[in-house]
PDB file of N, CA and C in Angstrom:
ATOM      1  N   MET A   1     189.267  16.250 149.509  1.00  0.00           N
ATOM      2  CA  MET A   1     188.212  17.081 150.008  1.00  0.00           C
ATOM      3  C   MET A   1     187.165  16.191 150.652  1.00  0.00           C
ATOM      4  N   VAL A   2     186.769  16.516 151.843  1.00  0.00           N
ATOM      5  CA  VAL A   2     185.813  15.719 152.590  1.00  0.00           C
ATOM      6  C   VAL A   2     184.413  16.264 152.377  1.00  0.00           C
ATOM      7  N   LYS A   3     183.493  15.383 152.003  1.00  0.00           N
ATOM      8  CA  LYS A   3     182.090  15.770 151.872  1.00  0.00           C
ATOM      9  C   LYS A   3     181.277  14.831 152.749  1.00  0.00           C
ATOM     10  N   THR A   4     180.354  15.378 153.490  1.00  0.00           N
ATOM     11  CA  THR A   4     179.484  14.548 154.296  1.00  0.00           C
ATOM     12  C   THR A   4     178.078  14.613 153.720  1.00  0.00           C
ATOM     13  N   LYS A   5     177.224  13.691 154.113  1.00  0.00           N
ATOM     14  CA  LYS A   5     175.877  13.652 153.566  1.00  0.00           C
ATOM     15  C   LYS A   5     175.069  14.878 153.952  1.00  0.00           C
ATOM     16  N   LYS A   6     175.207  15.335 155.192  1.00  0.00           N
ATOM     17  CA  LYS A   6     174.373  16.434 155.670  1.00  0.00           C
ATOM     18  C   LYS A   6     174.745  17.774 155.059  1.00  0.00           C
ATOM     19  N   ILE A   7     176.027  18.061 154.951  1.00  0.00           N
ATOM     20  CA  ILE A   7     176.419  19.399 154.506  1.00  0.00           C
ATOM     21  C   ILE A   7     177.047  19.425 153.127  1.00  0.00           C
ATOM     22  N   LYS A   8     177.120  18.289 152.455  1.00  0.00           N
ATOM     23  CA  LYS A   8     177.555  18.172 151.060  1.00  0.00           C
ATOM     24  C   LYS A   8     178.824  18.958 150.759  1.00  0.00           C
ATOM     25  N   SER A   9     178.772  19.899 149.821  1.00  0.00           N
ATOM     26  CA  SER A   9     179.975  20.603 149.384  1.00  0.00           C
ATOM     27  C   SER A   9     180.534  21.544 150.443  1.00  0.00           C
ATOM     28  N   ALA A  10     179.731  21.930 151.437  1.00  0.00           N
ATOM     29  CA  ALA A  10     180.212  22.815 152.490  1.00  0.00           C
ATOM     30  C   ALA A  10     181.051  22.059 153.520  1.00  0.00           C
ATOM     31  N   GLY A  11     181.249  20.769 153.330  1.00  0.00           N
ATOM     32  CA  GLY A  11     182.079  19.983 154.223  1.00  0.00           C
ATOM     33  C   GLY A  11     183.530  20.439 154.206  1.00  0.00           C
ATOM     34  N   ARG A  12     183.906  21.196 153.182  1.00  0.00           N
ATOM     35  CA  ARG A  12     185.287  21.687 153.092  1.00  0.00           C
ATOM     36  C   ARG A  12     185.612  22.692 154.189  1.00  0.00           C
ATOM     37  N   PHE A  13     184.594  23.245 154.867  1.00  0.00           N
ATOM     38  CA  PHE A  13     184.827  24.212 155.934  1.00  0.00           C
ATOM     39  C   PHE A  13     184.997  23.566 157.303  1.00  0.00           C
ATOM     40  N   GLY A  14     184.794  22.270 157.381  1.00  0.00           N
ATOM     41  CA  GLY A  14     184.988  21.558 158.639  1.00  0.00           C
ATOM     42  C   GLY A  14     184.022  22.020 159.713  1.00  0.00           C
ATOM     43  N   ALA A  15     184.535  22.255 160.922  1.00  0.00           N
ATOM     44  CA  ALA A  15     183.691  22.614 162.059  1.00  0.00           C
ATOM     45  C   ALA A  15     183.457  24.118 162.161  1.00  0.00           C
ATOM     46  N   ARG A  16     183.899  24.888 161.189  1.00  0.00           N
ATOM     47  CA  ARG A  16     183.764  26.345 161.262  1.00  0.00           C
ATOM     48  C   ARG A  16     182.431  26.830 160.693  1.00  0.00           C
ATOM     49  N   TYR A  17     182.007  27.986 161.095  1.00  0.00           N
ATOM     50  CA  TYR A  17     180.903  28.780 160.551  1.00  0.00           C
ATOM     51  C   TYR A  17     179.489  28.343 160.919  1.00  0.00           C
ATOM     52  N   GLY A  18     179.250  27.157 161.396  1.00  0.00           N
ATOM     53  CA  GLY A  18     177.915  26.748 161.812  1.00  0.00           C
ATOM     54  C   GLY A  18     177.103  26.112 160.697  1.00  0.00           C
ATOM     55  N   LYS A  19     175.946  25.571 161.081  1.00  0.00           N
ATOM     56  CA  LYS A  19     175.124  24.800 160.157  1.00  0.00           C
ATOM     57  C   LYS A  19     174.352  25.668 159.172  1.00  0.00           C
ATOM     58  N   THR A  20     173.744  26.756 159.641  1.00  0.00           N
ATOM     59  CA  THR A  20     172.874  27.571 158.794  1.00  0.00           C
ATOM     60  C   THR A  20     173.626  28.237 157.636  1.00  0.00           C
ATOM     61  N   PRO A  21     174.751  28.906 157.860  1.00  0.00           N
ATOM     62  CA  PRO A  21     175.463  29.491 156.716  1.00  0.00           C
ATOM     63  C   PRO A  21     175.933  28.439 155.711  1.00  0.00           C
ATOM     64  N   LYS A  22     176.332  27.274 156.211  1.00  0.00           N
ATOM     65  CA  LYS A  22     176.773  26.218 155.303  1.00  0.00           C
ATOM     66  C   LYS A  22     175.603  25.681 154.481  1.00  0.00           C
ATOM     67  N   ALA A  23     174.422  25.577 155.082  1.00  0.00           N
ATOM     68  CA  ALA A  23     173.240  25.104 154.353  1.00  0.00           C
ATOM     69  C   ALA A  23     172.853  26.099 153.261  1.00  0.00           C
ATOM     70  N   ARG A  24     172.947  27.394 153.553  1.00  0.00           N
ATOM     71  CA  ARG A  24     172.657  28.417 152.539  1.00  0.00           C
ATOM     72  C   ARG A  24     173.633  28.328 151.376  1.00  0.00           C
ATOM     73  N   LEU A  25     174.896  28.145 151.699  1.00  0.00           N
ATOM     74  CA  LEU A  25     175.922  28.031 150.671  1.00  0.00           C
ATOM     75  C   LEU A  25     175.661  26.836 149.766  1.00  0.00           C
ATOM     76  N   VAL A  26     175.279  25.715 150.344  1.00  0.00           N
ATOM     77  CA  VAL A  26     175.006  24.509 149.565  1.00  0.00           C
ATOM     78  C   VAL A  26     173.858  24.751 148.593  1.00  0.00           C
ATOM     79  N   LYS A  27     172.801  25.453 149.034  1.00  0.00           N
ATOM     80  CA  LYS A  27     171.667  25.743 148.156  1.00  0.00           C
ATOM     81  C   LYS A  27     172.095  26.581 146.959  1.00  0.00           C
ATOM     82  N   VAL A  28     172.894  27.605 147.190  1.00  0.00           N
ATOM     83  CA  VAL A  28     173.360  28.472 146.108  1.00  0.00           C
ATOM     84  C   VAL A  28     174.273  27.705 145.158  1.00  0.00           C
ATOM     85  N   GLU A  29     175.202  26.932 145.699  1.00  0.00           N
ATOM     86  CA  GLU A  29     176.139  26.200 144.856  1.00  0.00           C
ATOM     87  C   GLU A  29     175.449  25.140 144.000  1.00  0.00           C
ATOM     88  N   GLU A  30     174.449  24.455 144.556  1.00  0.00           N
ATOM     89  CA  GLU A  30     173.723  23.463 143.779  1.00  0.00           C
ATOM     90  C   GLU A  30     172.991  24.121 142.620  1.00  0.00           C
ATOM     91  N   LYS A  31     172.396  25.267 142.883  1.00  0.00           N
ATOM     92  CA  LYS A  31     171.644  25.975 141.851  1.00  0.00           C
ATOM     93  C   LYS A  31     172.565  26.520 140.758  1.00  0.00           C
ATOM     94  N   GLN A  32     173.731  27.016 141.123  1.00  0.00           N
ATOM     95  CA  GLN A  32     174.623  27.613 140.129  1.00  0.00           C
ATOM     96  C   GLN A  32     175.321  26.560 139.281  1.00  0.00           C
ATOM     97  N   ARG A  33     175.475  25.353 139.784  1.00  0.00           N
ATOM     98  CA  ARG A  33     176.180  24.316 139.034  1.00  0.00           C
ATOM     99  C   ARG A  33     175.267  23.505 138.117  1.00  0.00           C
ATOM    100  N   LYS A  34     173.944  23.685 138.259  1.00  0.00           N
ATOM    101  CA  LYS A  34     173.013  22.988 137.386  1.00  0.00           C
ATOM    102  C   LYS A  34     173.000  23.621 136.009  1.00  0.00           C
ATOM    103  N   LYS A  35     172.630  22.842 135.007  1.00  0.00           N
ATOM    104  CA  LYS A  35     172.449  23.405 133.674  1.00  0.00           C
ATOM    105  C   LYS A  35     171.162  24.219 133.682  1.00  0.00           C
ATOM    106  N   GLN A  36     171.223  25.413 133.107  1.00  0.00           N
ATOM    107  CA  GLN A  36     170.095  26.329 133.134  1.00  0.00           C
ATOM    108  C   GLN A  36     169.541  26.520 131.731  1.00  0.00           C
ATOM    109  N   LYS A  37     168.378  27.128 131.639  1.00  0.00           N
ATOM    110  CA  LYS A  37     167.715  27.352 130.366  1.00  0.00           C
ATOM    111  C   LYS A  37     168.336  28.553 129.662  1.00  0.00           C
ATOM    112  N   CYS A  38     168.793  28.357 128.440  1.00  0.00           N
ATOM    113  CA  CYS A  38     169.431  29.419 127.652  1.00  0.00           C
ATOM    114  C   CYS A  38     168.364  30.429 127.208  1.00  0.00           C
ATOM    115  N   PRO A  39     168.615  31.738 127.373  1.00  0.00           N
ATOM    116  CA  PRO A  39     167.634  32.737 126.960  1.00  0.00           C
ATOM    117  C   PRO A  39     167.537  32.909 125.442  1.00  0.00           C
ATOM    118  N   PHE A  40     168.496  32.378 124.685  1.00  0.00           N
ATOM    119  CA  PHE A  40     168.481  32.518 123.226  1.00  0.00           C
ATOM    120  C   PHE A  40     167.783  31.347 122.555  1.00  0.00           C
ATOM    121  N   CYS A  41     168.232  30.123 122.851  1.00  0.00           N
ATOM    122  CA  CYS A  41     167.651  28.949 122.190  1.00  0.00           C
ATOM    123  C   CYS A  41     166.571  28.274 123.028  1.00  0.00           C
ATOM    124  N   LYS A  42     166.371  28.713 124.254  1.00  0.00           N
ATOM    125  CA  LYS A  42     165.336  28.207 125.167  1.00  0.00           C
ATOM    126  C   LYS A  42     165.487  26.728 125.515  1.00  0.00           C
ATOM    127  N   ARG A  43     166.699  26.188 125.367  1.00  0.00           N
ATOM    128  CA  ARG A  43     166.937  24.791 125.730  1.00  0.00           C
ATOM    129  C   ARG A  43     167.793  24.720 126.986  1.00  0.00           C
ATOM    130  N   LEU A  44     167.673  23.620 127.674  1.00  0.00           N
ATOM    131  CA  LEU A  44     168.447  23.399 128.886  1.00  0.00           C
ATOM    132  C   LEU A  44     169.880  23.072 128.491  1.00  0.00           C
ATOM    133  N   GLY A  45     170.840  23.822 128.979  1.00  0.00           N
ATOM    134  CA  GLY A  45     172.215  23.515 128.632  1.00  0.00           C
ATOM    135  C   GLY A  45     173.214  24.591 128.991  1.00  0.00           C
ATOM    136  N   ALA A  46     172.759  25.799 129.324  1.00  0.00           N
ATOM    137  CA  ALA A  46     173.694  26.872 129.651  1.00  0.00           C
ATOM    138  C   ALA A  46     174.386  26.565 130.976  1.00  0.00           C
ATOM    139  N   LYS A  47     175.701  26.715 130.992  1.00  0.00           N
ATOM    140  CA  LYS A  47     176.483  26.478 132.202  1.00  0.00           C
ATOM    141  C   LYS A  47     177.264  27.727 132.553  1.00  0.00           C
ATOM    142  N   ARG A  48     177.508  27.928 133.828  1.00  0.00           N
ATOM    143  CA  ARG A  48     178.261  29.067 134.325  1.00  0.00           C
ATOM    144  C   ARG A  48     179.744  28.801 134.133  1.00  0.00           C
ATOM    145  N   SER A  49     180.443  29.716 133.467  1.00  0.00           N
ATOM    146  CA  SER A  49     181.885  29.538 133.293  1.00  0.00           C
ATOM    147  C   SER A  49     182.677  30.359 134.302  1.00  0.00           C
ATOM    148  N   SER A  50     182.166  31.518 134.692  1.00  0.00           N
ATOM    149  CA  SER A  50     182.765  32.314 135.756  1.00  0.00           C
ATOM    150  C   SER A  50     181.695  33.278 136.269  1.00  0.00           C
ATOM    151  N   LYS A  51     182.065  34.179 137.167  1.00  0.00           N
ATOM    152  CA  LYS A  51     181.085  35.089 137.768  1.00  0.00           C
ATOM    153  C   LYS A  51     180.338  35.881 136.712  1.00  0.00           C
ATOM    154  N   GLY A  52     179.058  35.604 136.539  1.00  0.00           N
ATOM    155  CA  GLY A  52     178.227  36.355 135.614  1.00  0.00           C
ATOM    156  C   GLY A  52     178.403  36.012 134.153  1.00  0.00           C
ATOM    157  N   ILE A  53     179.276  35.067 133.816  1.00  0.00           N
ATOM    158  CA  ILE A  53     179.513  34.666 132.427  1.00  0.00           C
ATOM    159  C   ILE A  53     178.955  33.266 132.217  1.00  0.00           C
ATOM    160  N   TRP A  54     178.129  33.124 131.186  1.00  0.00           N
ATOM    161  CA  TRP A  54     177.460  31.863 130.897  1.00  0.00           C
ATOM    162  C   TRP A  54     177.745  31.445 129.460  1.00  0.00           C
ATOM    163  N   ASN A  55     177.791  30.134 129.220  1.00  0.00           N
ATOM    164  CA  ASN A  55     177.992  29.569 127.888  1.00  0.00           C
ATOM    165  C   ASN A  55     176.886  28.571 127.594  1.00  0.00           C
ATOM    166  N   CYS A  56     176.383  28.623 126.362  1.00  0.00           N
ATOM    167  CA  CYS A  56     175.426  27.614 125.904  1.00  0.00           C
ATOM    168  C   CYS A  56     176.102  26.808 124.799  1.00  0.00           C
ATOM    169  N   PRO A  57     176.374  25.525 125.042  1.00  0.00           N
ATOM    170  CA  PRO A  57     177.049  24.724 124.028  1.00  0.00           C
ATOM    171  C   PRO A  57     176.143  24.383 122.842  1.00  0.00           C
ATOM    172  N   LYS A  58     174.836  24.468 123.026  1.00  0.00           N
ATOM    173  CA  LYS A  58     173.910  24.109 121.949  1.00  0.00           C
ATOM    174  C   LYS A  58     173.869  25.182 120.860  1.00  0.00           C
ATOM    175  N   CYS A  59     173.742  26.465 121.257  1.00  0.00           N
ATOM    176  CA  CYS A  59     173.671  27.548 120.265  1.00  0.00           C
ATOM    177  C   CYS A  59     174.982  28.326 120.169  1.00  0.00           C
ATOM    178  N   LYS A  60     176.005  27.897 120.908  1.00  0.00           N
ATOM    179  CA  LYS A  60     177.349  28.494 120.876  1.00  0.00           C
ATOM    180  C   LYS A  60     177.371  29.969 121.282  1.00  0.00           C
ATOM    181  N   LYS A  61     176.478  30.372 122.170  1.00  0.00           N
ATOM    182  CA  LYS A  61     176.439  31.761 122.637  1.00  0.00           C
ATOM    183  C   LYS A  61     177.172  31.870 123.967  1.00  0.00           C
ATOM    184  N   LYS A  62     177.802  33.019 124.173  1.00  0.00           N
ATOM    185  CA  LYS A  62     178.439  33.366 125.433  1.00  0.00           C
ATOM    186  C   LYS A  62     177.804  34.683 125.851  1.00  0.00           C
ATOM    187  N   PHE A  63     177.254  34.731 127.057  1.00  0.00           N
ATOM    188  CA  PHE A  63     176.518  35.914 127.464  1.00  0.00           C
ATOM    189  C   PHE A  63     176.676  36.174 128.953  1.00  0.00           C
ATOM    190  N   ALA A  64     176.281  37.370 129.362  1.00  0.00           N
ATOM    191  CA  ALA A  64     176.362  37.762 130.763  1.00  0.00           C
ATOM    192  C   ALA A  64     174.961  37.785 131.359  1.00  0.00           C
ATOM    193  N   SER A  65     174.872  37.381 132.617  1.00  0.00           N
ATOM    194  CA  SER A  65     173.594  37.422 133.343  1.00  0.00           C
ATOM    195  C   SER A  65     173.916  37.419 134.821  1.00  0.00           C
ATOM    196  N   GLY A  66     173.054  36.850 135.625  1.00  0.00           N
ATOM    197  CA  GLY A  66     173.241  36.827 137.072  1.00  0.00           C
ATOM    198  C   GLY A  66     174.517  36.119 137.471  1.00  0.00           C
ATOM    199  N   ALA A  67     175.032  36.456 138.632  1.00  0.00           N
ATOM    200  CA  ALA A  67     176.296  35.884 139.083  1.00  0.00           C
ATOM    201  C   ALA A  67     176.171  34.405 139.442  1.00  0.00           C
ATOM    202  N   PHE A  68     175.033  33.998 140.039  1.00  0.00           N
ATOM    203  CA  PHE A  68     174.902  32.635 140.517  1.00  0.00           C
ATOM    204  C   PHE A  68     173.960  31.782 139.681  1.00  0.00           C
ATOM    205  N   TYR A  69     172.888  32.361 139.147  1.00  0.00           N
ATOM    206  CA  TYR A  69     171.956  31.609 138.305  1.00  0.00           C
ATOM    207  C   TYR A  69     171.269  32.555 137.337  1.00  0.00           C
ATOM    208  N   LEU A  70     170.704  31.993 136.282  1.00  0.00           N
ATOM    209  CA  LEU A  70     170.055  32.799 135.249  1.00  0.00           C
ATOM    210  C   LEU A  70     168.662  33.221 135.695  1.00  0.00           C
ATOM    211  N   GLU A  71     168.330  34.470 135.450  1.00  0.00           N
ATOM    212  CA  GLU A  71     166.998  34.962 135.751  1.00  0.00           C
ATOM    213  C   GLU A  71     166.163  34.849 134.486  1.00  0.00           C
ATOM    214  N   ASN A  72     165.363  33.795 134.375  1.00  0.00           N
ATOM    215  CA  ASN A  72     164.507  33.594 133.188  1.00  0.00           C
ATOM    216  C   ASN A  72     163.091  33.940 133.506  1.00  0.00           C
TER     217      ASN A  72
END
C-alpha cells in the first residue's frame, strides 16, 4: 500500500477522486483510529472495533456509540 506525505492513508486511491475528498477522508480516519475517552471509566483507551461498536480494555466494556468517533 502506497502512502504519501500529503495525502497519508488516502494514497490508496491513487490519482482518483481529487484532493479535497481525500483530505476529508484522512481527517475522519485519523479521528476514528485514535484512542477515545471511555464514557464509563472516563479514561483514554476506548478503540473502535467495527461500525458503531467500541471496546474499552481498561474497564472491559463493549458498547455502541457513533460510527466514526465517540460523542463525549
